[in-house]
């Protein structure tokens, strides 16, 4: 039963995306049902921000890294060459961030990336992921009080010190 509901939600979202994308005669001409008015769908994107080699609070020996609190992450989506959405999230004390929005249901995950443009640490400033951002990877559907959320993960953003032995 739950699988049937998920399939219905996915088909309904596809219909919404086609209708918003201006897909000719609309999604209904393709035989897809209209989305139920009671389903509220949102997007959640999670990730972590780390400082490599520095032993700050929360240091994880297995990664040789410490979480970076206060890092600002941006979820950015583009249609073609035009940026149409940018939503901000901030990493908490454990370096974890979660960006939640209901504004992006008209985008595909391939059109969105997450960026952490700079480190909140003065010592850990060299980005290990470059300037391209990280792609979204689907994790799961999460049932919320107000509807359904598609939860995505981007993994780890890693910064390292400019001078390896200087982690002030």
N, C-alpha and C. Protein backbone atom coordinates (compact mmCIF):
# COMPACT_ATOMS: atom_id res chain seq x y z
N UNK A 1 0.82 -1.19 0.00
CA UNK A 1 0.00 0.00 0.00
C UNK A 1 0.86 1.26 0.00
N UNK A 2 1.93 1.24 0.83
CA UNK A 2 2.82 2.40 0.90
C UNK A 2 3.54 2.60 -0.44
N UNK A 3 3.93 1.49 -1.10
CA UNK A 3 4.59 1.59 -2.39
C UNK A 3 3.65 2.20 -3.43
N UNK A 4 2.39 1.82 -3.38
CA UNK A 4 1.40 2.38 -4.30
C UNK A 4 1.26 3.88 -4.08
N UNK A 5 1.26 4.30 -2.81
CA UNK A 5 1.16 5.74 -2.49
C UNK A 5 2.37 6.49 -3.03
N UNK A 6 3.59 5.92 -2.86
CA UNK A 6 4.81 6.57 -3.34
C UNK A 6 4.77 6.69 -4.85
N UNK A 7 4.34 5.64 -5.55
CA UNK A 7 4.23 5.69 -7.01
C UNK A 7 3.24 6.78 -7.43
N UNK A 8 2.12 6.89 -6.70
CA UNK A 8 1.12 7.90 -7.01
C UNK A 8 1.71 9.30 -6.83
N UNK A 9 2.47 9.49 -5.74
CA UNK A 9 3.08 10.80 -5.48
C UNK A 9 4.09 11.13 -6.56
N UNK A 10 4.92 10.15 -6.97
CA UNK A 10 5.92 10.38 -8.01
C UNK A 10 5.23 10.73 -9.33
N UNK A 11 4.19 10.01 -9.68
CA UNK A 11 3.44 10.33 -10.91
C UNK A 11 2.79 11.70 -10.80
N UNK A 12 2.26 12.02 -9.65
CA UNK A 12 1.65 13.34 -9.46
C UNK A 12 2.68 14.44 -9.59
N UNK A 13 3.87 14.23 -9.01
CA UNK A 13 4.93 15.23 -9.13
C UNK A 13 5.38 15.37 -10.57
N UNK A 14 5.43 14.27 -11.29
CA UNK A 14 5.79 14.35 -12.71
C UNK A 14 4.77 15.18 -13.47
N UNK A 15 3.51 15.01 -13.13
CA UNK A 15 2.46 15.80 -13.79
C UNK A 15 2.62 17.28 -13.48
N UNK A 16 2.95 17.60 -12.24
CA UNK A 16 3.15 19.00 -11.85
C UNK A 16 4.35 19.58 -12.60
N UNK A 17 5.44 18.81 -12.67
CA UNK A 17 6.64 19.29 -13.36
C UNK A 17 6.36 19.54 -14.84
N UNK A 18 5.65 18.64 -15.47
CA UNK A 18 5.33 18.83 -16.88
C UNK A 18 4.42 20.03 -17.09
N UNK A 19 3.47 20.22 -16.19
CA UNK A 19 2.56 21.36 -16.31
C UNK A 19 3.31 22.67 -16.11
N UNK A 20 4.23 22.72 -15.15
CA UNK A 20 5.00 23.93 -14.90
C UNK A 20 6.02 24.19 -15.99
N UNK A 21 6.48 23.15 -16.63
CA UNK A 21 7.49 23.27 -17.66
C UNK A 21 6.87 23.69 -19.00
N UNK A 22 5.57 23.83 -19.04
CA UNK A 22 4.92 24.22 -20.29
C UNK A 22 4.90 23.10 -21.29
N UNK A 23 4.73 21.88 -20.84
CA UNK A 23 4.81 20.70 -21.70
C UNK A 23 3.65 20.59 -22.68
N UNK A 24 3.55 21.49 -23.63
CA UNK A 24 2.53 21.40 -24.68
C UNK A 24 1.14 21.55 -24.12
N UNK A 25 0.33 20.50 -24.24
CA UNK A 25 -1.04 20.53 -23.79
C UNK A 25 -1.19 20.27 -22.31
N UNK A 26 -0.09 20.21 -21.57
CA UNK A 26 -0.17 19.98 -20.13
C UNK A 26 -0.01 18.51 -19.81
N UNK A 27 0.11 18.21 -18.56
CA UNK A 27 0.35 16.84 -18.12
C UNK A 27 -0.88 15.97 -18.30
N UNK A 28 -2.04 16.53 -18.25
CA UNK A 28 -3.25 15.74 -18.31
C UNK A 28 -3.43 15.11 -19.70
N UNK A 29 -2.88 15.73 -20.73
CA UNK A 29 -2.98 15.16 -22.07
C UNK A 29 -2.15 13.88 -22.18
N UNK A 30 -1.19 13.70 -21.29
CA UNK A 30 -0.36 12.51 -21.32
C UNK A 30 -0.98 11.37 -20.53
N UNK A 31 -2.14 11.56 -19.96
CA UNK A 31 -2.80 10.50 -19.23
C UNK A 31 -2.43 10.42 -17.76
N UNK A 32 -1.62 11.36 -17.25
CA UNK A 32 -1.26 11.34 -15.85
C UNK A 32 -2.35 12.03 -15.03
N UNK A 33 -2.63 11.51 -13.84
CA UNK A 33 -3.68 12.12 -13.03
C UNK A 33 -3.23 13.46 -12.47
N UNK A 34 -4.16 14.38 -12.21
CA UNK A 34 -3.78 15.64 -11.58
C UNK A 34 -3.31 15.36 -10.15
N UNK A 35 -2.39 16.19 -9.64
CA UNK A 35 -1.91 15.95 -8.28
C UNK A 35 -3.01 16.20 -7.27
N UNK A 36 -3.08 15.40 -6.22
CA UNK A 36 -4.10 15.64 -5.21
C UNK A 36 -3.82 16.97 -4.49
N UNK A 37 -4.83 17.78 -4.23
CA UNK A 37 -4.60 19.08 -3.62
C UNK A 37 -4.13 18.99 -2.18
N UNK A 38 -4.26 17.85 -1.54
CA UNK A 38 -3.89 17.72 -0.13
C UNK A 38 -2.44 17.30 0.09
N UNK A 39 -1.71 16.96 -0.99
CA UNK A 39 -0.33 16.53 -0.83
C UNK A 39 0.58 17.76 -0.87
N UNK A 40 1.31 17.98 0.21
CA UNK A 40 2.29 19.06 0.29
C UNK A 40 3.65 18.42 0.18
N UNK A 41 4.42 18.79 -0.83
CA UNK A 41 5.72 18.17 -1.07
C UNK A 41 6.81 19.20 -0.87
N UNK A 42 7.87 18.82 -0.15
CA UNK A 42 9.00 19.71 0.06
C UNK A 42 10.30 18.96 -0.21
N UNK A 43 11.39 19.72 -0.27
CA UNK A 43 12.71 19.17 -0.53
C UNK A 43 13.58 19.41 0.69
N UNK A 44 14.38 18.44 1.07
CA UNK A 44 15.38 18.59 2.12
C UNK A 44 16.72 18.14 1.59
N UNK A 45 17.77 18.93 1.84
CA UNK A 45 19.11 18.58 1.39
C UNK A 45 20.03 18.65 2.60
N UNK A 46 20.76 17.57 2.85
CA UNK A 46 21.63 17.52 4.02
C UNK A 46 23.07 17.26 3.61
N UNK A 47 23.99 17.69 4.49
CA UNK A 47 25.40 17.46 4.24
C UNK A 47 26.21 17.82 5.47
N UNK A 48 27.52 17.67 5.37
CA UNK A 48 28.45 17.97 6.46
C UNK A 48 29.58 18.83 5.93
N UNK A 49 30.13 19.66 6.83
CA UNK A 49 31.28 20.50 6.47
C UNK A 49 32.40 20.18 7.46
N UNK A 50 33.60 19.89 6.92
CA UNK A 50 34.71 19.44 7.74
C UNK A 50 35.97 20.26 7.48
N UNK A 51 36.87 20.26 8.47
CA UNK A 51 38.21 20.82 8.34
C UNK A 51 39.19 19.67 8.47
N UNK A 52 39.92 19.38 7.39
CA UNK A 52 40.86 18.26 7.35
C UNK A 52 42.11 18.58 8.17
N UNK A 53 42.58 17.65 8.92
CA UNK A 53 43.81 17.63 9.73
C UNK A 53 43.76 18.47 11.00
N UNK A 54 42.87 19.44 11.12
CA UNK A 54 42.82 20.26 12.33
C UNK A 54 42.00 19.55 13.41
N UNK A 55 42.47 19.62 14.63
CA UNK A 55 41.81 18.93 15.74
C UNK A 55 40.98 19.91 16.57
N UNK A 56 39.86 20.31 15.99
CA UNK A 56 38.91 21.18 16.68
C UNK A 56 37.94 20.29 17.46
N UNK A 57 37.07 20.88 18.31
CA UNK A 57 36.08 20.06 19.02
C UNK A 57 35.26 19.20 18.05
N UNK A 58 35.10 17.94 18.40
CA UNK A 58 34.36 17.00 17.56
C UNK A 58 35.25 16.26 16.57
N UNK A 59 36.56 16.39 16.72
CA UNK A 59 37.51 15.74 15.81
C UNK A 59 37.18 14.26 15.65
N UNK A 60 37.18 13.79 14.40
CA UNK A 60 36.90 12.40 14.09
C UNK A 60 38.17 11.78 13.50
N UNK A 61 38.83 10.92 14.28
CA UNK A 61 40.12 10.36 13.88
C UNK A 61 40.02 9.56 12.58
N UNK A 62 38.92 8.84 12.36
CA UNK A 62 38.77 8.02 11.15
C UNK A 62 38.81 8.87 9.88
N UNK A 63 38.38 10.12 9.97
CA UNK A 63 38.41 11.03 8.81
C UNK A 63 39.59 12.00 8.87
N UNK A 64 40.25 12.05 10.04
CA UNK A 64 41.28 13.06 10.30
C UNK A 64 40.71 14.45 10.00
N UNK A 65 39.53 14.71 10.55
CA UNK A 65 38.84 15.97 10.29
C UNK A 65 37.96 16.37 11.46
N UNK A 66 37.69 17.65 11.54
CA UNK A 66 36.81 18.21 12.57
C UNK A 66 35.63 18.89 11.91
N UNK A 67 34.44 18.81 12.51
CA UNK A 67 33.28 19.49 11.93
C UNK A 67 33.45 21.01 12.02
N UNK A 68 32.95 21.71 11.00
CA UNK A 68 33.02 23.17 10.98
C UNK A 68 31.63 23.77 11.19
N UNK A 69 31.43 24.30 12.38
CA UNK A 69 30.15 24.95 12.69
C UNK A 69 30.11 26.32 12.02
N UNK A 70 28.92 26.74 11.63
CA UNK A 70 28.73 28.08 11.08
C UNK A 70 28.98 28.20 9.59
N UNK A 71 29.34 27.10 8.92
CA UNK A 71 29.55 27.16 7.47
C UNK A 71 28.20 27.39 6.78
N UNK A 72 28.20 28.26 5.79
CA UNK A 72 26.98 28.59 5.06
C UNK A 72 26.94 27.76 3.78
N UNK A 73 25.86 27.02 3.59
CA UNK A 73 25.67 26.18 2.41
C UNK A 73 24.53 26.77 1.58
N UNK A 74 24.68 26.72 0.26
CA UNK A 74 23.65 27.22 -0.65
C UNK A 74 23.18 26.12 -1.57
N UNK A 75 21.89 25.95 -1.65
CA UNK A 75 21.27 25.06 -2.64
C UNK A 75 20.92 25.94 -3.82
N UNK A 76 21.56 25.69 -4.96
CA UNK A 76 21.33 26.52 -6.15
C UNK A 76 20.85 25.66 -7.30
N UNK A 77 19.81 26.16 -7.98
CA UNK A 77 19.24 25.44 -9.11
C UNK A 77 19.24 26.34 -10.34
N UNK A 78 19.43 25.72 -11.48
CA UNK A 78 19.48 26.45 -12.75
C UNK A 78 18.59 25.76 -13.78
N UNK A 79 17.99 26.58 -14.62
CA UNK A 79 17.34 26.10 -15.85
C UNK A 79 18.21 26.61 -16.97
N UNK A 80 18.93 25.73 -17.65
CA UNK A 80 19.86 26.17 -18.70
C UNK A 80 20.99 26.96 -18.07
N UNK A 81 21.25 28.16 -18.58
CA UNK A 81 22.32 29.00 -18.06
C UNK A 81 21.82 30.01 -17.04
N UNK A 82 20.55 29.97 -16.75
CA UNK A 82 19.93 30.96 -15.87
C UNK A 82 19.70 30.38 -14.48
N UNK A 83 20.25 31.04 -13.44
CA UNK A 83 20.01 30.60 -12.07
C UNK A 83 18.64 31.09 -11.65
N UNK A 84 17.84 30.18 -11.13
CA UNK A 84 16.48 30.56 -10.76
C UNK A 84 16.17 30.34 -9.29
N UNK A 85 17.09 29.75 -8.54
CA UNK A 85 16.83 29.56 -7.11
C UNK A 85 18.14 29.46 -6.36
N UNK A 86 18.16 30.05 -5.17
CA UNK A 86 19.31 29.94 -4.28
C UNK A 86 18.78 30.01 -2.85
N UNK A 87 18.96 28.93 -2.10
CA UNK A 87 18.42 28.85 -0.74
C UNK A 87 19.56 28.52 0.21
N UNK A 88 19.61 29.23 1.32
CA UNK A 88 20.74 29.15 2.25
C UNK A 88 20.43 28.27 3.45
N UNK A 89 21.45 27.58 3.95
CA UNK A 89 21.40 26.83 5.19
C UNK A 89 22.72 27.02 5.93
N UNK A 90 22.71 26.84 7.24
CA UNK A 90 23.91 27.04 8.05
C UNK A 90 24.20 25.77 8.85
N UNK A 91 25.48 25.36 8.85
CA UNK A 91 25.89 24.17 9.59
C UNK A 91 25.88 24.45 11.09
N UNK A 92 25.36 23.50 11.85
CA UNK A 92 25.33 23.62 13.30
C UNK A 92 26.66 23.23 13.92
N UNK A 93 26.67 23.03 15.22
CA UNK A 93 27.91 22.78 15.95
C UNK A 93 28.61 21.49 15.51
N UNK A 94 27.87 20.52 14.98
CA UNK A 94 28.47 19.28 14.51
C UNK A 94 28.85 19.30 13.05
N UNK A 95 28.75 20.46 12.40
CA UNK A 95 29.09 20.58 10.98
C UNK A 95 27.97 20.15 10.04
N UNK A 96 26.84 19.71 10.60
CA UNK A 96 25.71 19.21 9.80
C UNK A 96 24.80 20.36 9.38
N UNK A 97 24.38 20.35 8.12
CA UNK A 97 23.39 21.32 7.67
C UNK A 97 22.23 20.60 7.00
N UNK A 98 21.07 21.23 7.10
CA UNK A 98 19.86 20.74 6.44
C UNK A 98 19.15 21.94 5.85
N UNK A 99 18.99 21.93 4.54
CA UNK A 99 18.28 22.99 3.84
C UNK A 99 16.91 22.42 3.46
N UNK A 100 15.85 23.07 3.93
CA UNK A 100 14.50 22.60 3.62
C UNK A 100 13.73 23.69 2.89
N UNK A 101 13.00 23.27 1.86
CA UNK A 101 12.22 24.23 1.08
C UNK A 101 11.08 23.55 0.35
N UNK A 102 10.05 24.30 0.09
CA UNK A 102 8.97 23.80 -0.76
C UNK A 102 8.97 24.57 -2.07
N UNK A 103 9.97 25.43 -2.30
CA UNK A 103 10.04 26.26 -3.50
C UNK A 103 10.58 25.52 -4.71
N UNK A 104 11.24 24.38 -4.53
CA UNK A 104 11.97 23.76 -5.63
C UNK A 104 11.31 22.54 -6.23
N UNK A 105 10.04 22.36 -6.05
CA UNK A 105 9.42 21.14 -6.57
C UNK A 105 9.33 21.14 -8.09
N UNK A 106 9.63 22.27 -8.75
CA UNK A 106 9.58 22.30 -10.21
C UNK A 106 10.95 22.02 -10.84
N UNK A 107 11.94 21.61 -10.04
CA UNK A 107 13.28 21.34 -10.55
C UNK A 107 13.58 19.86 -10.44
N UNK A 108 14.52 19.41 -11.28
CA UNK A 108 15.02 18.05 -11.11
C UNK A 108 16.31 18.12 -10.30
N UNK A 109 16.69 17.02 -9.70
CA UNK A 109 17.91 17.02 -8.88
C UNK A 109 19.15 17.29 -9.73
N UNK A 110 19.11 17.00 -11.03
CA UNK A 110 20.25 17.27 -11.90
C UNK A 110 20.44 18.77 -12.14
N UNK A 111 19.42 19.57 -11.91
CA UNK A 111 19.52 21.02 -12.12
C UNK A 111 19.99 21.75 -10.86
N UNK A 112 20.20 21.01 -9.77
CA UNK A 112 20.56 21.64 -8.50
C UNK A 112 21.89 21.10 -7.98
N UNK A 113 22.63 21.97 -7.31
CA UNK A 113 23.88 21.62 -6.65
C UNK A 113 23.97 22.39 -5.35
N UNK A 114 24.82 21.90 -4.44
CA UNK A 114 25.03 22.59 -3.17
C UNK A 114 26.46 23.10 -3.14
N UNK A 115 26.59 24.34 -2.69
CA UNK A 115 27.89 25.01 -2.60
C UNK A 115 28.14 25.46 -1.17
N UNK A 116 29.37 25.34 -0.73
CA UNK A 116 29.84 25.96 0.50
C UNK A 116 31.02 26.82 0.04
N UNK A 117 30.75 28.09 -0.26
CA UNK A 117 31.78 28.91 -0.91
C UNK A 117 33.00 29.23 -0.05
N UNK A 118 32.83 29.28 1.28
CA UNK A 118 33.99 29.59 2.13
C UNK A 118 33.82 28.93 3.48
N UNK A 119 34.95 28.72 4.10
CA UNK A 119 34.99 28.11 5.43
C UNK A 119 34.81 29.18 6.50
N UNK A 120 34.14 28.84 7.60
CA UNK A 120 34.03 29.80 8.70
C UNK A 120 35.32 29.88 9.54
N UNK A 121 36.26 29.00 9.27
CA UNK A 121 37.52 28.97 10.01
C UNK A 121 38.58 29.79 9.26
N UNK A 122 39.31 30.61 9.99
CA UNK A 122 40.39 31.39 9.37
C UNK A 122 41.54 30.50 8.92
N UNK A 123 41.72 29.37 9.56
CA UNK A 123 42.83 28.48 9.23
C UNK A 123 42.48 27.52 8.10
N UNK A 124 41.27 27.04 8.07
CA UNK A 124 40.86 25.99 7.13
C UNK A 124 40.16 26.63 5.93
N UNK A 125 40.94 27.11 4.96
CA UNK A 125 40.35 27.92 3.89
C UNK A 125 40.42 27.30 2.49
N UNK A 126 41.15 26.22 2.33
CA UNK A 126 41.33 25.64 1.00
C UNK A 126 40.23 24.60 0.75
N UNK A 127 39.33 24.87 -0.22
CA UNK A 127 38.25 23.91 -0.48
C UNK A 127 38.76 22.66 -1.18
N UNK A 128 38.29 21.51 -0.70
CA UNK A 128 38.70 20.25 -1.31
C UNK A 128 37.77 19.81 -2.42
N UNK A 129 36.68 20.49 -2.61
CA UNK A 129 35.68 20.09 -3.59
C UNK A 129 35.67 21.00 -4.80
N UNK A 130 36.53 21.99 -4.84
CA UNK A 130 36.56 22.93 -5.95
C UNK A 130 35.39 23.89 -5.90
N UNK A 131 35.14 24.57 -6.97
CA UNK A 131 34.09 25.58 -7.03
C UNK A 131 32.82 25.08 -7.73
N UNK A 132 32.77 23.82 -8.09
CA UNK A 132 31.64 23.29 -8.86
C UNK A 132 30.44 22.91 -8.00
N UNK A 133 30.62 22.82 -6.71
CA UNK A 133 29.52 22.37 -5.86
C UNK A 133 29.37 20.86 -5.95
N UNK A 134 28.48 20.33 -5.13
CA UNK A 134 28.25 18.89 -5.12
C UNK A 134 26.83 18.57 -5.58
N UNK A 135 26.67 17.48 -6.32
CA UNK A 135 25.34 17.10 -6.81
C UNK A 135 24.48 16.49 -5.71
N UNK A 136 23.18 16.52 -5.92
CA UNK A 136 22.23 15.93 -4.98
C UNK A 136 22.07 14.45 -5.26
N UNK A 137 22.04 13.66 -4.18
CA UNK A 137 21.80 12.22 -4.30
C UNK A 137 20.55 11.90 -3.49
N UNK A 138 19.57 11.28 -4.12
CA UNK A 138 18.33 10.96 -3.42
C UNK A 138 18.59 9.96 -2.30
N UNK A 139 18.02 10.24 -1.12
CA UNK A 139 18.14 9.34 0.03
C UNK A 139 16.83 8.60 0.28
N UNK A 140 15.76 9.37 0.54
CA UNK A 140 14.49 8.73 0.89
C UNK A 140 13.35 9.75 0.90
N UNK A 141 12.14 9.23 0.92
CA UNK A 141 10.96 10.05 1.18
C UNK A 141 10.72 10.02 2.68
N UNK A 142 10.45 11.19 3.26
CA UNK A 142 10.20 11.30 4.70
C UNK A 142 8.80 11.88 4.88
N UNK A 143 8.00 11.21 5.70
CA UNK A 143 6.66 11.72 5.98
C UNK A 143 6.76 12.79 7.06
N UNK A 144 6.25 13.96 6.77
CA UNK A 144 6.22 15.09 7.70
C UNK A 144 4.78 15.36 8.10
N UNK A 145 4.61 16.16 9.16
CA UNK A 145 3.26 16.51 9.61
C UNK A 145 2.48 17.22 8.51
N UNK A 146 3.18 18.03 7.71
CA UNK A 146 2.50 18.81 6.68
C UNK A 146 2.61 18.20 5.28
N UNK A 147 3.06 16.96 5.16
CA UNK A 147 3.13 16.34 3.84
C UNK A 147 4.31 15.40 3.70
N UNK A 148 4.89 15.38 2.51
CA UNK A 148 5.94 14.45 2.16
C UNK A 148 7.18 15.24 1.76
N UNK A 149 8.36 14.75 2.18
CA UNK A 149 9.59 15.43 1.84
C UNK A 149 10.53 14.47 1.12
N UNK A 150 11.09 14.93 0.01
CA UNK A 150 12.14 14.19 -0.67
C UNK A 150 13.46 14.60 -0.05
N UNK A 151 14.16 13.68 0.60
CA UNK A 151 15.40 14.01 1.29
C UNK A 151 16.59 13.61 0.42
N UNK A 152 17.48 14.56 0.18
CA UNK A 152 18.67 14.36 -0.63
C UNK A 152 19.90 14.57 0.24
N UNK A 153 21.02 13.98 -0.17
CA UNK A 153 22.29 14.16 0.53
C UNK A 153 23.33 14.63 -0.47
N UNK A 154 24.26 15.45 -0.01
CA UNK A 154 25.37 15.86 -0.86
C UNK A 154 26.69 15.33 -0.33
N UNK A 155 26.66 14.72 0.84
CA UNK A 155 27.88 14.17 1.40
C UNK A 155 28.69 15.20 2.16
N UNK A 156 30.01 15.14 2.03
CA UNK A 156 30.93 15.95 2.83
C UNK A 156 31.61 17.04 2.02
N UNK A 157 31.60 18.24 2.56
CA UNK A 157 32.43 19.33 2.07
C UNK A 157 33.65 19.37 2.96
N UNK A 158 34.84 19.33 2.38
CA UNK A 158 36.06 19.28 3.17
C UNK A 158 36.94 20.47 2.81
N UNK A 159 37.34 21.20 3.83
CA UNK A 159 38.31 22.28 3.68
C UNK A 159 39.59 21.83 4.38
N UNK A 160 40.71 22.40 3.98
CA UNK A 160 41.97 22.09 4.66
C UNK A 160 42.74 23.39 4.88
N UNK A 161 43.71 23.35 5.80
CA UNK A 161 44.47 24.57 6.07
C UNK A 161 45.39 24.93 4.91
N UNK A 162 45.58 26.22 4.73
CA UNK A 162 46.51 26.69 3.70
C UNK A 162 47.93 26.27 4.04
N UNK A 163 48.25 26.34 5.32
CA UNK A 163 49.54 25.90 5.84
C UNK A 163 49.28 24.70 6.74
N UNK A 164 49.66 23.49 6.34
CA UNK A 164 49.27 22.26 7.00
C UNK A 164 49.43 22.21 8.52
N UNK A 165 50.41 22.85 9.09
CA UNK A 165 50.61 22.76 10.53
C UNK A 165 50.06 23.97 11.29
N UNK A 166 49.25 24.77 10.63
CA UNK A 166 48.69 25.97 11.27
C UNK A 166 47.18 25.86 11.35
N UNK A 167 46.69 25.39 12.47
CA UNK A 167 45.26 25.22 12.71
C UNK A 167 44.80 26.13 13.85
N UNK A 168 45.24 27.35 13.89
CA UNK A 168 44.91 28.27 14.98
C UNK A 168 43.44 28.52 15.08
